[in-house]
Amino acid sequence: MKHTLRHRILILFALLLLTLPLSAQATTFGYSRVYHQPAITFIVLGASSQVEMRVTMELSDGTQFRTIPEKEHRLWENYFRIYRQGVQGKSSWFGNQKDFTGAIMHIADGEKSYDIPLPYEEFHTDSTPEYIFVHMKDGSLSLGMPVVRRWAFFFMHLAIYLLVESFIFWRMGFKGKHHWCFFLIYTAVSKGLVCIFIRKWLNVDTRFYILFAALTLFLMMADVAVFLFALDEDRNKVGKFSGLANALAGFAIYEAMTHLPM
């Protein structure tokens, strides 16, 4: 009877975890609702950290003006972001295609410089964030975030969760094939759902740490509830493991999201 009840509780909890991405989108956990994402994110490949960019835009009456995108350098990549609220000289916005009609990007890095018209005809008609890869080798552009890159983001985070939490699980003396099998399967599934949810968090806002801290606290409580039912271990030991493992893994992923190429 006790064994059956335990399994039912685990199934119900697993269903609850499956709703996490949906419930998050309906609240302030929905990252796009925490702040206004950039209208365009330029990802510059093959350039030094000294690369500079400006964008010439047009108003509806044909008047031209320049805006300087916000710059960020991460290891081997450079990012330039145009936030609508940061563009001086334009007060009305109607959707990406119309807003960036006739826009030209000026980019320079050392002896290389290009004036490249933005492919505004291929932009979204609404205000969906655009991602443009800029290849400094030949001045070419490619529009859109590759699926492979998004899933690489997912697998990197899942690997961090598994490696960090497995190390803590081992160091705290959890033993037995049954314990390890359950731990690995549960962690891969539950943290995999979280990684699916956060894999599109490609533009990190300064308030992001509050959101991620709340998510980490939720995961701590979830792990405690599941492991207390599934593993025959002391509750203090389980509580310490869940708190330490999620805190360290969450910190490692936060650092990866804010410092490694996105």
C-alpha atoms as a PDB file:
ATOM      1  CA  MET A   1       0.000   0.000   0.000  1.00  0.00           C
ATOM      2  CA  LYS A   2       2.759   2.385   0.987  1.00  0.00           C
ATOM      3  CA  HIS A   3       4.690   1.482  -2.190  1.00  0.00           C
ATOM      4  CA  THR A   4       1.608   2.221  -4.379  1.00  0.00           C
ATOM      5  CA  LEU A   5       0.949   5.541  -2.652  1.00  0.00           C
ATOM      6  CA  ARG A   6       4.562   6.560  -3.188  1.00  0.00           C
ATOM      7  CA  HIS A   7       4.323   5.863  -6.904  1.00  0.00           C
ATOM      8  CA  ARG A   8       1.058   7.811  -7.225  1.00  0.00           C
ATOM      9  CA  ILE A   9       2.578  10.817  -5.506  1.00  0.00           C
ATOM     10  CA  LEU A  10       5.628  10.661  -7.790  1.00  0.00           C
ATOM     11  CA  ILE A  11       3.397  10.515 -10.871  1.00  0.00           C
ATOM     12  CA  LEU A  12       1.359  13.507  -9.702  1.00  0.00           C
ATOM     13  CA  PHE A  13       4.509  15.450  -8.985  1.00  0.00           C
ATOM     14  CA  ALA A  14       5.925  14.599 -12.413  1.00  0.00           C
ATOM     15  CA  LEU A  15       2.740  15.969 -13.996  1.00  0.00           C
ATOM     16  CA  LEU A  16       3.153  19.135 -11.935  1.00  0.00           C
ATOM     17  CA  LEU A  17       6.681  19.549 -13.289  1.00  0.00           C
ATOM     18  CA  LEU A  18       5.382  19.166 -16.823  1.00  0.00           C
ATOM     19  CA  THR A  19       3.170  22.228 -16.290  1.00  0.00           C
ATOM     20  CA  LEU A  20       6.076  24.390 -15.146  1.00  0.00           C
ATOM     21  CA  PRO A  21       6.851  25.908 -18.557  1.00  0.00           C
ATOM     22  CA  LEU A  22       3.162  26.637 -19.175  1.00  0.00           C
ATOM     23  CA  SER A  23       2.490  28.193 -15.789  1.00  0.00           C
ATOM     24  CA  ALA A  24       5.685  30.197 -16.031  1.00  0.00           C
ATOM     25  CA  GLN A  25       4.610  31.769 -19.318  1.00  0.00           C
ATOM     26  CA  ALA A  26       1.336  32.850 -17.711  1.00  0.00           C
ATOM     27  CA  THR A  27       3.030  34.758 -14.892  1.00  0.00           C
ATOM     28  CA  THR A  28       5.983  37.095 -14.414  1.00  0.00           C
ATOM     29  CA  PHE A  29       8.072  33.928 -14.721  1.00  0.00           C
ATOM     30  CA  GLY A  30       7.517  34.359 -18.459  1.00  0.00           C
ATOM     31  CA  TYR A  31      10.881  35.928 -19.270  1.00  0.00           C
ATOM     32  CA  SER A  32       9.553  38.040 -22.131  1.00  0.00           C
ATOM     33  CA  ARG A  33       7.262  39.716 -19.594  1.00  0.00           C
ATOM     34  CA  VAL A  34      10.003  40.639 -17.166  1.00  0.00           C
ATOM     35  CA  TYR A  35      11.465  43.235 -19.520  1.00  0.00           C
ATOM     36  CA  HIS A  36      11.311  44.313 -23.156  1.00  0.00           C
ATOM     37  CA  GLN A  37      13.657  42.198 -25.213  1.00  0.00           C
ATOM     38  CA  PRO A  38      15.842  43.764 -27.919  1.00  0.00           C
ATOM     39  CA  ALA A  39      14.189  44.369 -31.271  1.00  0.00           C
ATOM     40  CA  ILE A  40      17.346  43.052 -32.953  1.00  0.00           C
ATOM     41  CA  THR A  41      20.311  41.123 -31.573  1.00  0.00           C
ATOM     42  CA  PHE A  42      23.376  41.129 -33.844  1.00  0.00           C
ATOM     43  CA  ILE A  43      25.783  38.246 -33.185  1.00  0.00           C
ATOM     44  CA  VAL A  44      29.132  39.169 -34.750  1.00  0.00           C
ATOM     45  CA  LEU A  45      31.438  36.296 -35.655  1.00  0.00           C
ATOM     46  CA  GLY A  46      35.116  36.549 -36.564  1.00  0.00           C
ATOM     47  CA  ALA A  47      35.686  40.019 -35.112  1.00  0.00           C
ATOM     48  CA  SER A  48      37.887  41.425 -32.355  1.00  0.00           C
ATOM     49  CA  SER A  49      36.551  42.967 -29.173  1.00  0.00           C
ATOM     50  CA  GLN A  50      37.196  46.381 -30.748  1.00  0.00           C
ATOM     51  CA  VAL A  51      34.495  45.978 -33.409  1.00  0.00           C
ATOM     52  CA  GLU A  52      32.038  48.888 -33.603  1.00  0.00           C
ATOM     53  CA  MET A  53      28.560  49.178 -35.096  1.00  0.00           C
ATOM     54  CA  ARG A  54      25.925  51.781 -35.844  1.00  0.00           C
ATOM     55  CA  VAL A  55      22.614  51.495 -37.673  1.00  0.00           C
ATOM     56  CA  THR A  56      21.064  54.117 -39.937  1.00  0.00           C
ATOM     57  CA  MET A  57      17.267  54.040 -39.806  1.00  0.00           C
ATOM     58  CA  GLU A  58      14.498  55.885 -41.614  1.00  0.00           C
ATOM     59  CA  LEU A  59      11.354  57.591 -40.350  1.00  0.00           C
ATOM     60  CA  SER A  60       8.097  57.313 -42.283  1.00  0.00           C
ATOM     61  CA  ASP A  61       8.811  60.652 -43.996  1.00  0.00           C
ATOM     62  CA  GLY A  62      12.183  59.413 -45.282  1.00  0.00           C
ATOM     63  CA  THR A  63      14.284  61.285 -42.715  1.00  0.00           C
ATOM     64  CA  GLN A  64      17.375  59.292 -41.717  1.00  0.00           C
ATOM     65  CA  PHE A  65      18.931  59.077 -38.257  1.00  0.00           C
ATOM     66  CA  ARG A  66      21.543  56.913 -36.564  1.00  0.00           C
ATOM     67  CA  THR A  67      21.303  54.709 -33.502  1.00  0.00           C
ATOM     68  CA  ILE A  68      24.149  53.006 -31.644  1.00  0.00           C
ATOM     69  CA  PRO A  69      23.313  49.446 -30.518  1.00  0.00           C
ATOM     70  CA  GLU A  70      24.341  48.351 -27.033  1.00  0.00           C
ATOM     71  CA  LYS A  71      27.514  46.262 -27.171  1.00  0.00           C
ATOM     72  CA  GLU A  72      28.620  43.190 -25.221  1.00  0.00           C
ATOM     73  CA  HIS A  73      31.714  41.005 -25.689  1.00  0.00           C
ATOM     74  CA  ARG A  74      31.796  37.350 -24.600  1.00  0.00           C
ATOM     75  CA  LEU A  75      34.936  35.327 -25.270  1.00  0.00           C
ATOM     76  CA  TRP A  76      35.033  34.872 -29.058  1.00  0.00           C
ATOM     77  CA  GLU A  77      31.717  36.580 -29.917  1.00  0.00           C
ATOM     78  CA  ASN A  78      30.396  40.149 -29.909  1.00  0.00           C
ATOM     79  CA  TYR A  79      26.769  41.148 -29.464  1.00  0.00           C
ATOM     80  CA  PHE A  80      24.998  44.346 -30.445  1.00  0.00           C
ATOM     81  CA  ARG A  81      21.408  44.934 -29.350  1.00  0.00           C
ATOM     82  CA  ILE A  82      18.871  47.500 -30.482  1.00  0.00           C
ATOM     83  CA  TYR A  83      16.220  48.125 -27.831  1.00  0.00           C
ATOM     84  CA  ARG A  84      13.211  50.072 -29.031  1.00  0.00           C
ATOM     85  CA  GLN A  85      13.130  52.120 -25.858  1.00  0.00           C
ATOM     86  CA  GLY A  86      16.804  53.010 -26.407  1.00  0.00           C
ATOM     87  CA  VAL A  87      16.401  54.416 -29.928  1.00  0.00           C
ATOM     88  CA  GLN A  88      16.511  58.212 -29.914  1.00  0.00           C
ATOM     89  CA  GLY A  89      14.610  59.926 -32.714  1.00  0.00           C
ATOM     90  CA  LYS A  90      11.798  57.412 -33.186  1.00  0.00           C
ATOM     91  CA  SER A  91       8.730  57.381 -30.971  1.00  0.00           C
ATOM     92  CA  SER A  92       6.263  55.198 -32.881  1.00  0.00           C
ATOM     93  CA  TRP A  93       6.719  51.484 -33.554  1.00  0.00           C
ATOM     94  CA  PHE A  94       4.582  49.300 -35.820  1.00  0.00           C
ATOM     95  CA  GLY A  95       6.400  45.978 -36.254  1.00  0.00           C
ATOM     96  CA  ASN A  96       9.850  44.871 -37.353  1.00  0.00           C
ATOM     97  CA  GLN A  97       9.341  45.001 -41.117  1.00  0.00           C
ATOM     98  CA  LYS A  98       8.025  48.555 -41.055  1.00  0.00           C
ATOM     99  CA  ASP A  99      10.250  49.807 -38.255  1.00  0.00           C
ATOM    100  CA  PHE A 100      13.470  48.792 -39.998  1.00  0.00           C
ATOM    101  CA  THR A 101      12.531  49.501 -43.597  1.00  0.00           C
ATOM    102  CA  GLY A 102      15.589  50.925 -45.366  1.00  0.00           C
ATOM    103  CA  ALA A 103      17.854  50.401 -42.341  1.00  0.00           C
ATOM    104  CA  ILE A 104      21.583  50.021 -43.007  1.00  0.00           C
ATOM    105  CA  MET A 105      24.126  48.532 -40.624  1.00  0.00           C
ATOM    106  CA  HIS A 106      27.615  50.065 -40.524  1.00  0.00           C
ATOM    107  CA  ILE A 107      30.223  47.795 -38.935  1.00  0.00           C
ATOM    108  CA  ALA A 108      33.986  48.249 -38.651  1.00  0.00           C
ATOM    109  CA  ASP A 109      36.783  46.172 -37.151  1.00  0.00           C
ATOM    110  CA  GLY A 110      40.350  47.272 -37.878  1.00  0.00           C
ATOM    111  CA  GLU A 111      40.783  47.555 -41.637  1.00  0.00           C
ATOM    112  CA  LYS A 112      37.501  45.801 -42.362  1.00  0.00           C
ATOM    113  CA  SER A 113      34.312  47.825 -42.657  1.00  0.00           C
ATOM    114  CA  TYR A 114      30.964  47.127 -44.286  1.00  0.00           C
ATOM    115  CA  ASP A 115      27.729  48.987 -45.002  1.00  0.00           C
ATOM    116  CA  ILE A 116      25.077  46.272 -45.104  1.00  0.00           C
ATOM    117  CA  PRO A 117      21.335  46.812 -45.744  1.00  0.00           C
ATOM    118  CA  LEU A 118      19.263  44.937 -43.196  1.00  0.00           C
ATOM    119  CA  PRO A 119      17.002  42.223 -44.695  1.00  0.00           C
ATOM    120  CA  TYR A 120      13.879  43.897 -43.314  1.00  0.00           C
ATOM    121  CA  GLU A 121      11.636  42.149 -45.878  1.00  0.00           C
ATOM    122  CA  GLU A 122      12.384  38.894 -44.038  1.00  0.00           C
ATOM    123  CA  PHE A 123      11.698  40.309 -40.564  1.00  0.00           C
ATOM    124  CA  HIS A 124       8.596  39.454 -38.574  1.00  0.00           C
ATOM    125  CA  THR A 125       5.600  41.712 -39.142  1.00  0.00           C
ATOM    126  CA  ASP A 126       5.107  42.012 -35.379  1.00  0.00           C
ATOM    127  CA  SER A 127       7.658  42.829 -32.663  1.00  0.00           C
ATOM    128  CA  THR A 128       9.140  39.337 -32.305  1.00  0.00           C
ATOM    129  CA  PRO A 129      12.887  39.647 -31.472  1.00  0.00           C
ATOM    130  CA  GLU A 130      15.149  39.229 -34.501  1.00  0.00           C
ATOM    131  CA  TYR A 131      18.549  37.513 -34.447  1.00  0.00           C
ATOM    132  CA  ILE A 132      21.103  38.388 -37.123  1.00  0.00           C
ATOM    133  CA  PHE A 133      24.506  36.718 -37.470  1.00  0.00           C
ATOM    134  CA  VAL A 134      27.159  39.001 -38.949  1.00  0.00           C
ATOM    135  CA  HIS A 135      30.162  37.278 -40.558  1.00  0.00           C
ATOM    136  CA  MET A 136      33.069  39.722 -40.546  1.00  0.00           C
ATOM    137  CA  LYS A 137      35.107  37.567 -42.938  1.00  0.00           C
ATOM    138  CA  ASP A 138      32.941  38.514 -45.922  1.00  0.00           C
ATOM    139  CA  GLY A 139      30.344  40.930 -44.566  1.00  0.00           C
ATOM    140  CA  SER A 140      27.448  38.501 -45.025  1.00  0.00           C
ATOM    141  CA  LEU A 141      24.366  38.221 -42.837  1.00  0.00           C
ATOM    142  CA  SER A 142      22.228  35.261 -41.820  1.00  0.00           C
ATOM    143  CA  LEU A 143      18.842  35.763 -40.208  1.00  0.00           C
ATOM    144  CA  GLY A 144      17.420  33.710 -37.383  1.00  0.00           C
ATOM    145  CA  MET A 145      18.701  31.633 -34.474  1.00  0.00           C
ATOM    146  CA  PRO A 146      19.688  28.138 -35.676  1.00  0.00           C
ATOM    147  CA  VAL A 147      17.852  25.295 -33.962  1.00  0.00           C
ATOM    148  CA  VAL A 148      21.196  23.566 -33.369  1.00  0.00           C
ATOM    149  CA  ARG A 149      22.429  26.567 -31.402  1.00  0.00           C
ATOM    150  CA  ARG A 150      19.323  26.670 -29.202  1.00  0.00           C
ATOM    151  CA  TRP A 151      19.622  22.959 -28.417  1.00  0.00           C
ATOM    152  CA  ALA A 152      23.353  23.306 -27.750  1.00  0.00           C
ATOM    153  CA  PHE A 153      22.301  25.877 -25.143  1.00  0.00           C
ATOM    154  CA  PHE A 154      19.886  23.267 -23.704  1.00  0.00           C
ATOM    155  CA  PHE A 155      22.425  20.431 -23.534  1.00  0.00           C
ATOM    156  CA  MET A 156      25.083  22.658 -21.978  1.00  0.00           C
ATOM    157  CA  HIS A 157      22.739  23.539 -19.111  1.00  0.00           C
ATOM    158  CA  LEU A 158      21.551  19.962 -18.647  1.00  0.00           C
ATOM    159  CA  ALA A 159      25.158  18.775 -18.505  1.00  0.00           C
ATOM    160  CA  ILE A 160      25.895  21.354 -15.799  1.00  0.00           C
ATOM    161  CA  TYR A 161      22.928  20.176 -13.732  1.00  0.00           C
ATOM    162  CA  LEU A 162      23.891  16.508 -14.068  1.00  0.00           C
ATOM    163  CA  LEU A 163      27.604  16.977 -13.388  1.00  0.00           C
ATOM    164  CA  VAL A 164      27.234  19.304 -10.397  1.00  0.00           C
ATOM    165  CA  GLU A 165      24.371  17.429  -8.749  1.00  0.00           C
ATOM    166  CA  SER A 166      26.004  14.026  -9.382  1.00  0.00           C
ATOM    167  CA  PHE A 167      29.170  15.234  -7.686  1.00  0.00           C
ATOM    168  CA  ILE A 168      27.228  16.424  -4.628  1.00  0.00           C
ATOM    169  CA  PHE A 169      25.187  13.198  -4.605  1.00  0.00           C
ATOM    170  CA  TRP A 170      28.407  11.182  -4.537  1.00  0.00           C
ATOM    171  CA  ARG A 171      30.190  13.385  -1.991  1.00  0.00           C
ATOM    172  CA  MET A 172      27.268  13.168   0.430  1.00  0.00           C
ATOM    173  CA  GLY A 173      27.528   9.407   0.469  1.00  0.00           C
ATOM    174  CA  PHE A 174      24.434   8.306  -1.420  1.00  0.00           C
ATOM    175  CA  LYS A 175      25.090   4.722  -2.458  1.00  0.00           C
ATOM    176  CA  GLY A 176      23.337   1.870  -4.140  1.00  0.00           C
ATOM    177  CA  LYS A 177      22.422   1.164  -7.744  1.00  0.00           C
ATOM    178  CA  HIS A 178      18.734   1.890  -7.087  1.00  0.00           C
ATOM    179  CA  HIS A 179      19.486   5.307  -5.593  1.00  0.00           C
ATOM    180  CA  TRP A 180      21.799   6.300  -8.444  1.00  0.00           C
ATOM    181  CA  CYS A 181      19.444   5.093 -11.173  1.00  0.00           C
ATOM    182  CA  PHE A 182      16.515   6.983  -9.699  1.00  0.00           C
ATOM    183  CA  PHE A 183      18.618  10.103  -9.127  1.00  0.00           C
ATOM    184  CA  LEU A 184      19.974  10.193 -12.691  1.00  0.00           C
ATOM    185  CA  ILE A 185      16.612   9.539 -14.357  1.00  0.00           C
ATOM    186  CA  TYR A 186      14.729  12.012 -12.174  1.00  0.00           C
ATOM    187  CA  THR A 187      17.370  14.720 -12.537  1.00  0.00           C
ATOM    188  CA  ALA A 188      17.615  14.296 -16.315  1.00  0.00           C
ATOM    189  CA  VAL A 189      13.819  14.580 -16.677  1.00  0.00           C
ATOM    190  CA  SER A 190      13.076  17.339 -14.159  1.00  0.00           C
ATOM    191  CA  LYS A 191      16.110  19.497 -14.940  1.00  0.00           C
ATOM    192  CA  GLY A 192      15.669  18.758 -18.640  1.00  0.00           C
ATOM    193  CA  LEU A 193      12.234  20.392 -18.466  1.00  0.00           C
ATOM    194  CA  VAL A 194      13.791  23.412 -16.795  1.00  0.00           C
ATOM    195  CA  CYS A 195      16.495  23.582 -19.487  1.00  0.00           C
ATOM    196  CA  ILE A 196      13.835  23.492 -22.209  1.00  0.00           C
ATOM    197  CA  PHE A 197      12.131  26.397 -20.468  1.00  0.00           C
ATOM    198  CA  ILE A 198      15.284  28.539 -20.196  1.00  0.00           C
ATOM    199  CA  ARG A 199      16.919  27.633 -23.530  1.00  0.00           C
ATOM    200  CA  LYS A 200      15.499  30.781 -25.160  1.00  0.00           C
ATOM    201  CA  TRP A 201      16.785  33.131 -22.471  1.00  0.00           C
ATOM    202  CA  LEU A 202      19.413  34.449 -24.888  1.00  0.00           C
ATOM    203  CA  ASN A 203      19.266  38.098 -23.835  1.00  0.00           C
ATOM    204  CA  VAL A 204      19.804  38.314 -20.097  1.00  0.00           C
ATOM    205  CA  ASP A 205      18.354  41.288 -18.242  1.00  0.00           C
ATOM    206  CA  THR A 206      20.032  42.687 -15.115  1.00  0.00           C
ATOM    207  CA  ARG A 207      16.996  41.621 -13.046  1.00  0.00           C
ATOM    208  CA  PHE A 208      17.409  38.069 -14.272  1.00  0.00           C
ATOM    209  CA  TYR A 209      19.050  36.885 -11.012  1.00  0.00           C
ATOM    210  CA  ILE A 210      15.780  37.409  -9.101  1.00  0.00           C
ATOM    211  CA  LEU A 211      13.882  35.212 -11.532  1.00  0.00           C
ATOM    212  CA  PHE A 212      16.544  32.523 -11.535  1.00  0.00           C
ATOM    213  CA  ALA A 213      16.784  32.534  -7.723  1.00  0.00           C
ATOM    214  CA  ALA A 214      13.034  31.935  -7.492  1.00  0.00           C
ATOM    215  CA  LEU A 215      13.305  29.049  -9.963  1.00  0.00           C
ATOM    216  CA  THR A 216      16.189  27.541  -7.973  1.00  0.00           C
ATOM    217  CA  LEU A 217      14.198  27.704  -4.711  1.00  0.00           C
ATOM    218  CA  PHE A 218      11.292  25.955  -6.402  1.00  0.00           C
ATOM    219  CA  LEU A 219      13.629  23.184  -7.597  1.00  0.00           C
ATOM    220  CA  MET A 220      15.081  22.771  -4.101  1.00  0.00           C
ATOM    221  CA  MET A 221      11.630  22.169  -2.630  1.00  0.00           C
ATOM    222  CA  ALA A 222      10.641  19.878  -5.486  1.00  0.00           C
ATOM    223  CA  ASP A 223      13.750  17.725  -5.083  1.00  0.00           C
ATOM    224  CA  VAL A 224      13.253  17.412  -1.329  1.00  0.00           C
ATOM    225  CA  ALA A 225       9.648  16.263  -1.815  1.00  0.00           C
ATOM    226  CA  VAL A 226      10.557  13.665  -4.434  1.00  0.00           C
ATOM    227  CA  PHE A 227      13.701  12.259  -2.817  1.00  0.00           C
ATOM    228  CA  LEU A 228      12.051  11.901   0.606  1.00  0.00           C
ATOM    229  CA  PHE A 229       9.426   9.620  -0.953  1.00  0.00           C
ATOM    230  CA  ALA A 230      11.692   7.813  -3.397  1.00  0.00           C
ATOM    231  CA  LEU A 231      14.869   7.258  -1.380  1.00  0.00           C
ATOM    232  CA  ASP A 232      15.195   5.536   1.977  1.00  0.00           C
ATOM    233  CA  GLU A 233      17.453   8.219   3.455  1.00  0.00           C
ATOM    234  CA  ASP A 234      17.488  10.582   6.419  1.00  0.00           C
ATOM    235  CA  ARG A 235      15.421  13.701   5.751  1.00  0.00           C
ATOM    236  CA  ASN A 236      18.194  16.023   6.962  1.00  0.00           C
ATOM    237  CA  LYS A 237      20.623  14.431   4.519  1.00  0.00           C
ATOM    238  CA  VAL A 238      18.121  14.741   1.670  1.00  0.00           C
ATOM    239  CA  GLY A 239      17.394  18.368   2.577  1.00  0.00           C
ATOM    240  CA  LYS A 240      21.078  19.283   2.663  1.00  0.00           C
ATOM    241  CA  PHE A 241      21.695  17.573  -0.663  1.00  0.00           C
ATOM    242  CA  SER A 242      18.761  19.274  -2.406  1.00  0.00           C
ATOM    243  CA  GLY A 243      19.710  22.698  -1.110  1.00  0.00           C
ATOM    244  CA  LEU A 244      23.425  22.440  -1.856  1.00  0.00           C
ATOM    245  CA  ALA A 245      23.055  20.699  -5.232  1.00  0.00           C
ATOM    246  CA  ASN A 246      20.495  23.147  -6.617  1.00  0.00           C
ATOM    247  CA  ALA A 247      22.306  26.186  -5.258  1.00  0.00           C
ATOM    248  CA  LEU A 248      25.653  25.194  -6.810  1.00  0.00           C
ATOM    249  CA  ALA A 249      24.128  24.008 -10.097  1.00  0.00           C
ATOM    250  CA  GLY A 250      21.962  27.124 -10.330  1.00  0.00           C
ATOM    251  CA  PHE A 251      24.962  29.369  -9.707  1.00  0.00           C
ATOM    252  CA  ALA A 252      27.013  27.528 -12.347  1.00  0.00           C
ATOM    253  CA  ILE A 253      24.241  27.863 -14.940  1.00  0.00           C
ATOM    254  CA  TYR A 254      23.700  31.528 -14.080  1.00  0.00           C
ATOM    255  CA  GLU A 255      27.399  32.194 -14.630  1.00  0.00           C
ATOM    256  CA  ALA A 256      27.292  30.286 -17.925  1.00  0.00           C
ATOM    257  CA  MET A 257      24.275  32.269 -19.123  1.00  0.00           C
ATOM    258  CA  THR A 258      25.813  35.619 -18.261  1.00  0.00           C
ATOM    259  CA  HIS A 259      29.422  35.046 -19.357  1.00  0.00           C
ATOM    260  CA  LEU A 260      29.600  32.356 -22.051  1.00  0.00           C
ATOM    261  CA  PRO A 261      28.536  32.870 -25.683  1.00  0.00           C
ATOM    262  CA  MET A 262      24.780  32.590 -25.913  1.00  0.00           C
END
